C-alpha atoms as a PDB file:
ATOM      1  CA  MET A   1     116.416 178.477 108.382  1.00  0.00           C
ATOM      2  CA  SER A   2     118.636 176.474 110.653  1.00  0.00           C
ATOM      3  CA  PRO A   3     117.152 173.840 112.929  1.00  0.00           C
ATOM      4  CA  SER A   4     116.722 175.097 116.459  1.00  0.00           C
ATOM      5  CA  SER A   5     117.441 173.144 119.580  1.00  0.00           C
ATOM      6  CA  SER A   6     113.670 172.701 120.046  1.00  0.00           C
ATOM      7  CA  SER A   7     113.387 171.028 116.648  1.00  0.00           C
ATOM      8  CA  ARG A   8     112.994 167.278 117.138  1.00  0.00           C
ATOM      9  CA  PRO A   9     112.443 164.912 114.240  1.00  0.00           C
ATOM     10  CA  LEU A  10     109.614 162.461 114.893  1.00  0.00           C
ATOM     11  CA  ILE A  11     108.985 159.277 112.945  1.00  0.00           C
ATOM     12  CA  ARG A  12     105.407 158.085 113.471  1.00  0.00           C
ATOM     13  CA  VAL A  13     104.687 154.566 112.219  1.00  0.00           C
ATOM     14  CA  HIS A  14     101.388 152.735 111.891  1.00  0.00           C
ATOM     15  CA  LEU A  15     101.853 148.956 111.806  1.00  0.00           C
ATOM     16  CA  ALA A  16      99.103 147.375 109.724  1.00  0.00           C
ATOM     17  CA  ALA A  17      98.661 143.684 108.874  1.00  0.00           C
ATOM     18  CA  ASP A  18     100.453 144.118 105.537  1.00  0.00           C
ATOM     19  CA  ALA A  19     102.461 147.354 105.704  1.00  0.00           C
ATOM     20  CA  LEU A  20     104.293 149.950 107.712  1.00  0.00           C
ATOM     21  CA  MET A  21     103.026 153.461 107.053  1.00  0.00           C
ATOM     22  CA  ALA A  22     105.591 155.993 108.212  1.00  0.00           C
ATOM     23  CA  CYS A  23     105.672 159.734 108.296  1.00  0.00           C
ATOM     24  CA  GLU A  24     108.306 162.161 109.415  1.00  0.00           C
ATOM     25  CA  VAL A  25     107.032 165.095 111.422  1.00  0.00           C
ATOM     26  CA  GLN A  26     109.155 168.103 112.222  1.00  0.00           C
ATOM     27  CA  ALA A  27     108.197 169.813 115.473  1.00  0.00           C
ATOM     28  CA  GLN A  28     109.357 173.374 115.928  1.00  0.00           C
ATOM     29  CA  HIS A  29     108.282 175.269 118.999  1.00  0.00           C
ATOM     30  CA  SER A  30     104.523 174.669 119.247  1.00  0.00           C
ATOM     31  CA  SER A  31     103.780 173.604 115.665  1.00  0.00           C
ATOM     32  CA  ARG A  32     104.258 170.384 113.708  1.00  0.00           C
ATOM     33  CA  ARG A  33     104.820 169.960 110.011  1.00  0.00           C
ATOM     34  CA  LEU A  34     104.607 166.773 107.923  1.00  0.00           C
ATOM     35  CA  VAL A  35     107.920 166.483 106.092  1.00  0.00           C
ATOM     36  CA  ARG A  36     107.410 163.230 104.180  1.00  0.00           C
ATOM     37  CA  LYS A  37     105.603 159.913 104.269  1.00  0.00           C
ATOM     38  CA  ALA A  38     106.024 156.425 102.829  1.00  0.00           C
ATOM     39  CA  ARG A  39     104.465 152.968 102.817  1.00  0.00           C
ATOM     40  CA  PHE A  40     106.519 149.784 103.230  1.00  0.00           C
ATOM     41  CA  PRO A  41     104.456 146.719 102.293  1.00  0.00           C
ATOM     42  CA  PHE A  42     105.041 143.134 103.399  1.00  0.00           C
ATOM     43  CA  ALA A  43     103.072 140.001 102.551  1.00  0.00           C
ATOM     44  CA  ALA A  44     103.423 138.069 105.817  1.00  0.00           C
ATOM     45  CA  PRO A  45     104.419 138.891 109.409  1.00  0.00           C
ATOM     46  CA  GLY A  46     107.759 137.140 108.799  1.00  0.00           C
ATOM     47  CA  GLU A  47     108.556 139.757 106.149  1.00  0.00           C
ATOM     48  CA  ARG A  48     107.996 142.663 108.528  1.00  0.00           C
ATOM     49  CA  LEU A  49     111.711 142.854 109.397  1.00  0.00           C
ATOM     50  CA  ALA A  50     112.559 143.504 105.738  1.00  0.00           C
ATOM     51  CA  ALA A  51     109.981 146.307 105.669  1.00  0.00           C
ATOM     52  CA  MET A  52     111.545 147.730 108.834  1.00  0.00           C
ATOM     53  CA  ARG A  53     114.980 147.692 107.192  1.00  0.00           C
ATOM     54  CA  SER A  54     113.522 149.504 104.166  1.00  0.00           C
ATOM     55  CA  MET A  55     112.007 152.058 106.484  1.00  0.00           C
ATOM     56  CA  SER A  56     115.398 152.537 108.194  1.00  0.00           C
ATOM     57  CA  GLU A  57     116.960 153.242 104.806  1.00  0.00           C
ATOM     58  CA  TRP A  58     114.172 155.753 104.087  1.00  0.00           C
ATOM     59  CA  VAL A  59     114.800 157.494 107.414  1.00  0.00           C
ATOM     60  CA  GLY A  60     118.546 157.540 106.751  1.00  0.00           C
ATOM     61  CA  ASP A  61     120.905 158.773 109.433  1.00  0.00           C
ATOM     62  CA  ALA A  62     118.585 159.921 112.172  1.00  0.00           C
ATOM     63  CA  PRO A  63     119.654 163.255 113.622  1.00  0.00           C
ATOM     64  CA  ARG A  64     120.354 163.327 117.336  1.00  0.00           C
ATOM     65  CA  GLY A  65     117.096 163.519 119.264  1.00  0.00           C
ATOM     66  CA  THR A  66     114.975 161.673 116.691  1.00  0.00           C
ATOM     67  CA  VAL A  67     112.105 159.800 118.293  1.00  0.00           C
ATOM     68  CA  GLN A  68     109.795 157.060 117.055  1.00  0.00           C
ATOM     69  CA  GLU A  69     106.140 156.527 117.900  1.00  0.00           C
ATOM     70  CA  TRP A  70     104.411 153.321 116.843  1.00  0.00           C
ATOM     71  CA  VAL A  71     100.688 152.692 116.522  1.00  0.00           C
ATOM     72  CA  LEU A  72      99.878 148.984 116.409  1.00  0.00           C
ATOM     73  CA  GLY A  73      97.112 147.766 114.149  1.00  0.00           C
ATOM     74  CA  ILE A  74      94.443 145.245 114.975  1.00  0.00           C
ATOM     75  CA  ALA A  75      96.461 142.337 113.513  1.00  0.00           C
ATOM     76  CA  ASP A  76      99.178 142.557 116.182  1.00  0.00           C
ATOM     77  CA  VAL A  77      97.207 143.274 119.331  1.00  0.00           C
ATOM     78  CA  ARG A  78      94.602 141.193 121.148  1.00  0.00           C
ATOM     79  CA  TYR A  79      91.829 143.064 122.908  1.00  0.00           C
ATOM     80  CA  LEU A  80      89.457 142.213 125.729  1.00  0.00           C
ATOM     81  CA  LEU A  81      86.664 144.319 127.109  1.00  0.00           C
ATOM     82  CA  LEU A  82      86.508 143.689 130.847  1.00  0.00           C
ATOM     83  CA  PRO A  83      83.159 144.182 132.540  1.00  0.00           C
ATOM     84  CA  TRP A  84      82.892 146.877 135.152  1.00  0.00           C
ATOM     85  CA  ALA A  85      82.999 145.569 138.696  1.00  0.00           C
ATOM     86  CA  PRO A  86      84.070 147.358 141.889  1.00  0.00           C
ATOM     87  CA  ASP A  87      86.495 144.499 142.658  1.00  0.00           C
ATOM     88  CA  LEU A  88      88.443 145.210 139.453  1.00  0.00           C
ATOM     89  CA  ALA A  89      89.542 148.571 140.827  1.00  0.00           C
ATOM     90  CA  ASP A  90      92.277 146.548 142.531  1.00  0.00           C
ATOM     91  CA  GLY A  91      95.129 146.405 139.992  1.00  0.00           C
ATOM     92  CA  ALA A  92      96.367 142.931 140.915  1.00  0.00           C
ATOM     93  CA  LEU A  93      92.875 141.429 140.763  1.00  0.00           C
ATOM     94  CA  ARG A  94      92.160 143.210 137.461  1.00  0.00           C
ATOM     95  CA  SER A  95      95.401 141.851 135.932  1.00  0.00           C
ATOM     96  CA  ALA A  96      94.696 138.307 137.134  1.00  0.00           C
ATOM     97  CA  PHE A  97      91.130 138.470 135.786  1.00  0.00           C
ATOM     98  CA  ALA A  98      92.362 139.848 132.441  1.00  0.00           C
ATOM     99  CA  MET A  99      95.011 137.113 132.124  1.00  0.00           C
ATOM    100  CA  ALA A 100      92.509 134.339 132.903  1.00  0.00           C
ATOM    101  CA  SER A 101      89.969 135.827 130.485  1.00  0.00           C
ATOM    102  CA  PHE A 102      92.637 136.133 127.791  1.00  0.00           C
ATOM    103  CA  GLU A 103      93.671 132.488 128.160  1.00  0.00           C
ATOM    104  CA  GLN A 104      90.047 131.374 128.011  1.00  0.00           C
ATOM    105  CA  GLN A 105      89.146 133.566 125.022  1.00  0.00           C
ATOM    106  CA  PHE A 106      92.264 133.199 122.849  1.00  0.00           C
ATOM    107  CA  LYS A 107      93.596 129.811 124.005  1.00  0.00           C
ATOM    108  CA  GLN A 108      97.074 131.344 124.281  1.00  0.00           C
ATOM    109  CA  ASP A 109      99.538 131.835 127.125  1.00  0.00           C
ATOM    110  CA  PRO A 110      98.990 135.383 128.429  1.00  0.00           C
ATOM    111  CA  SER A 111     102.527 135.534 129.853  1.00  0.00           C
ATOM    112  CA  LEU A 112     103.747 135.918 126.248  1.00  0.00           C
ATOM    113  CA  TYR A 113     102.049 139.343 126.140  1.00  0.00           C
ATOM    114  CA  VAL A 114     102.320 142.691 127.836  1.00  0.00           C
ATOM    115  CA  VAL A 115      98.912 143.898 128.975  1.00  0.00           C
ATOM    116  CA  ARG A 116      97.893 147.542 129.180  1.00  0.00           C
ATOM    117  CA  PHE A 117      94.581 148.895 130.381  1.00  0.00           C
ATOM    118  CA  ALA A 118      92.597 151.894 129.209  1.00  0.00           C
ATOM    119  CA  LYS A 119      91.877 154.556 131.790  1.00  0.00           C
ATOM    120  CA  PRO A 120      89.200 153.218 134.135  1.00  0.00           C
ATOM    121  CA  ALA A 121      85.841 154.972 134.460  1.00  0.00           C
ATOM    122  CA  TYR A 122      83.294 154.276 137.131  1.00  0.00           C
ATOM    123  CA  GLY A 123      80.474 152.064 135.854  1.00  0.00           C
ATOM    124  CA  ARG A 124      82.075 151.413 132.456  1.00  0.00           C
ATOM    125  CA  ALA A 125      83.775 148.400 130.917  1.00  0.00           C
ATOM    126  CA  GLN A 126      87.553 148.650 130.566  1.00  0.00           C
ATOM    127  CA  LEU A 127      89.590 147.829 127.476  1.00  0.00           C
ATOM    128  CA  ALA A 128      92.670 145.635 127.913  1.00  0.00           C
ATOM    129  CA  ALA A 129      95.246 145.462 125.109  1.00  0.00           C
ATOM    130  CA  PHE A 130      97.674 142.532 124.879  1.00  0.00           C
ATOM    131  CA  VAL A 131     100.866 143.127 122.886  1.00  0.00           C
ATOM    132  CA  PRO A 132     103.279 140.241 122.173  1.00  0.00           C
ATOM    133  CA  HIS A 133     106.670 140.517 123.902  1.00  0.00           C
ATOM    134  CA  PRO A 134     108.556 139.593 120.664  1.00  0.00           C
ATOM    135  CA  LEU A 135     106.933 142.508 118.802  1.00  0.00           C
ATOM    136  CA  LEU A 136     108.013 144.970 121.501  1.00  0.00           C
ATOM    137  CA  ALA A 137     111.535 143.533 121.338  1.00  0.00           C
ATOM    138  CA  GLN A 138     111.512 144.018 117.538  1.00  0.00           C
ATOM    139  CA  LEU A 139     110.473 147.644 117.900  1.00  0.00           C
ATOM    140  CA  ASP A 140     113.135 148.281 120.563  1.00  0.00           C
ATOM    141  CA  ALA A 141     115.829 146.706 118.375  1.00  0.00           C
ATOM    142  CA  HIS A 142     114.654 148.697 115.360  1.00  0.00           C
ATOM    143  CA  ALA A 143     114.828 151.973 117.301  1.00  0.00           C
ATOM    144  CA  ASP A 144     118.344 151.115 118.549  1.00  0.00           C
ATOM    145  CA  ALA A 145     119.509 150.246 115.021  1.00  0.00           C
ATOM    146  CA  SER A 146     117.980 153.476 113.735  1.00  0.00           C
ATOM    147  CA  LYS A 147     119.714 155.466 116.481  1.00  0.00           C
ATOM    148  CA  ALA A 148     116.329 156.833 117.511  1.00  0.00           C
ATOM    149  CA  ARG A 149     114.558 156.839 120.851  1.00  0.00           C
ATOM    150  CA  LEU A 150     111.396 154.760 121.058  1.00  0.00           C
ATOM    151  CA  ARG A 151     108.992 157.213 122.692  1.00  0.00           C
ATOM    152  CA  SER A 152     105.748 155.254 122.540  1.00  0.00           C
ATOM    153  CA  VAL A 153     104.055 152.095 121.382  1.00  0.00           C
ATOM    154  CA  ALA A 154     100.273 152.282 121.477  1.00  0.00           C
ATOM    155  CA  PRO A 155      97.447 150.096 120.218  1.00  0.00           C
ATOM    156  CA  GLY A 156      95.404 151.612 117.416  1.00  0.00           C
ATOM    157  CA  LEU A 157      92.105 150.863 119.134  1.00  0.00           C
ATOM    158  CA  VAL A 158      91.247 153.186 121.979  1.00  0.00           C
ATOM    159  CA  VAL A 159      88.145 153.824 124.023  1.00  0.00           C
END
């Protein structure tokens, strides 16, 4: 069976504290099929780039249209649960409050992170995920080197 134009290879990667777990999913029309999977261990965050290179070799020459999706583990993302307050419906105020809370809680500069918020719900606390800029740059560079499109980067913890 020849690949159709709707067939798009997808590489889904979970980034854990000590390994990359990758799987290749083939999507055809409305179904998806797991083609293969692999684990690429590393002992320290500084060794992650070597694991990414090994994963690139495993992927091989990515066909045109290949996309990557990354799920970030707890080791690489900082989380805050913001209390519900009507004032935090304002995006600018919510961001400022999250940044100040982050700095107070983690004793780190929040400008070194990209912050994303879970979908707000009336009367409920809201999850804020902080992802380091250098990690996002690494993932972008990896996708470029792999000749794949980076479709999504999402924290593993969701509400």
